[in-house]
């Protein structure tokens, strides 16, 4: 999720996207996208922990908002 939202990856996706694309060719074009994975395992772990914390916080905020709505 983190890598797919990076600007460099989003630019690649937009470059591969065509308005009149057919389903059969979309899958093939997605294989051409290069994801910039860090070489450092510790950096990957740090990013993974941060992304997990963000997802958890987002879920908690959604739950709080639903409680407000129900009350």
Protein backbone atom coordinates (compact mmCIF):
# COMPACT_ATOMS: atom_id res chain seq x y z
CA UNK A 1 0.00 0.00 0.00
CA UNK A 2 2.83 2.36 0.93
CA UNK A 3 4.73 1.68 -2.29
CA UNK A 4 1.65 1.95 -4.50
CA UNK A 5 0.98 5.47 -3.21
CA UNK A 6 4.46 6.84 -3.89
CA UNK A 7 4.54 9.57 -6.56
CA UNK A 8 6.96 7.64 -8.76
CA UNK A 9 4.69 4.58 -8.75
CA UNK A 10 1.54 6.66 -9.33
CA UNK A 11 3.20 8.26 -12.38
CA UNK A 12 4.01 4.80 -13.73
CA UNK A 13 0.41 3.68 -13.20
CA UNK A 14 -0.95 6.76 -14.97
CA UNK A 15 1.46 6.19 -17.86
CA UNK A 16 0.18 2.61 -18.22
CA UNK A 17 -3.50 3.53 -17.93
CA UNK A 18 -5.52 4.04 -21.07
CA UNK A 19 -9.11 5.25 -21.18
CA UNK A 20 -10.21 2.42 -23.46
CA UNK A 21 -8.17 -0.35 -21.89
CA UNK A 22 -9.48 -3.87 -22.01
CA UNK A 23 -9.43 -6.14 -18.98
CA UNK A 24 -7.08 -8.63 -20.67
CA UNK A 25 -4.35 -6.03 -21.22
CA UNK A 26 -4.55 -4.28 -17.84
CA UNK A 27 -2.99 -7.23 -16.01
CA UNK A 28 -0.06 -7.38 -18.41
CA UNK A 29 0.69 -3.67 -18.05
CA UNK A 30 0.67 -3.87 -14.25
CA UNK A 31 3.62 -6.29 -14.47
CA UNK A 32 5.66 -3.45 -16.01
CA UNK A 33 5.41 -1.21 -12.92
CA UNK A 34 8.58 -1.07 -10.85
CA UNK A 35 8.20 -0.74 -7.09
CA UNK A 36 11.05 1.07 -5.30
CA UNK A 37 11.74 -1.37 -2.45
CA UNK A 38 14.37 -0.31 0.09
CA UNK A 39 17.51 -2.43 0.22
CA UNK A 40 17.74 -2.09 3.99
CA UNK A 41 15.70 -4.68 5.88
CA UNK A 42 15.55 -2.42 8.93
CA UNK A 43 14.17 0.43 6.81
CA UNK A 44 11.50 -1.91 5.39
CA UNK A 45 10.57 -2.99 8.93
CA UNK A 46 10.37 0.64 10.13
CA UNK A 47 8.12 1.61 7.23
CA UNK A 48 5.96 -1.48 7.76
CA UNK A 49 5.49 -0.65 11.45
CA UNK A 50 4.60 2.95 10.64
CA UNK A 51 2.09 1.94 7.96
CA UNK A 52 0.52 -0.57 10.38
CA UNK A 53 0.23 2.15 13.03
CA UNK A 54 -1.48 4.45 10.53
CA UNK A 55 -3.94 1.73 9.50
CA UNK A 56 -4.73 0.95 13.14
CA UNK A 57 -5.24 4.62 13.95
CA UNK A 58 -7.50 5.05 10.94
CA UNK A 59 -9.63 2.07 12.04
CA UNK A 60 -9.87 3.50 15.58
CA UNK A 61 -10.91 6.90 14.25
CA UNK A 62 -13.55 5.31 12.04
CA UNK A 63 -14.91 3.42 15.05
CA UNK A 64 -15.03 6.62 17.12
CA UNK A 65 -16.86 8.41 14.31
CA UNK A 66 -19.43 5.61 14.09
CA UNK A 67 -20.03 5.84 17.85
CA UNK A 68 -20.69 9.57 17.50
CA UNK A 69 -23.11 8.89 14.68
CA UNK A 70 -24.98 6.24 16.67
CA UNK A 71 -25.32 8.51 19.71
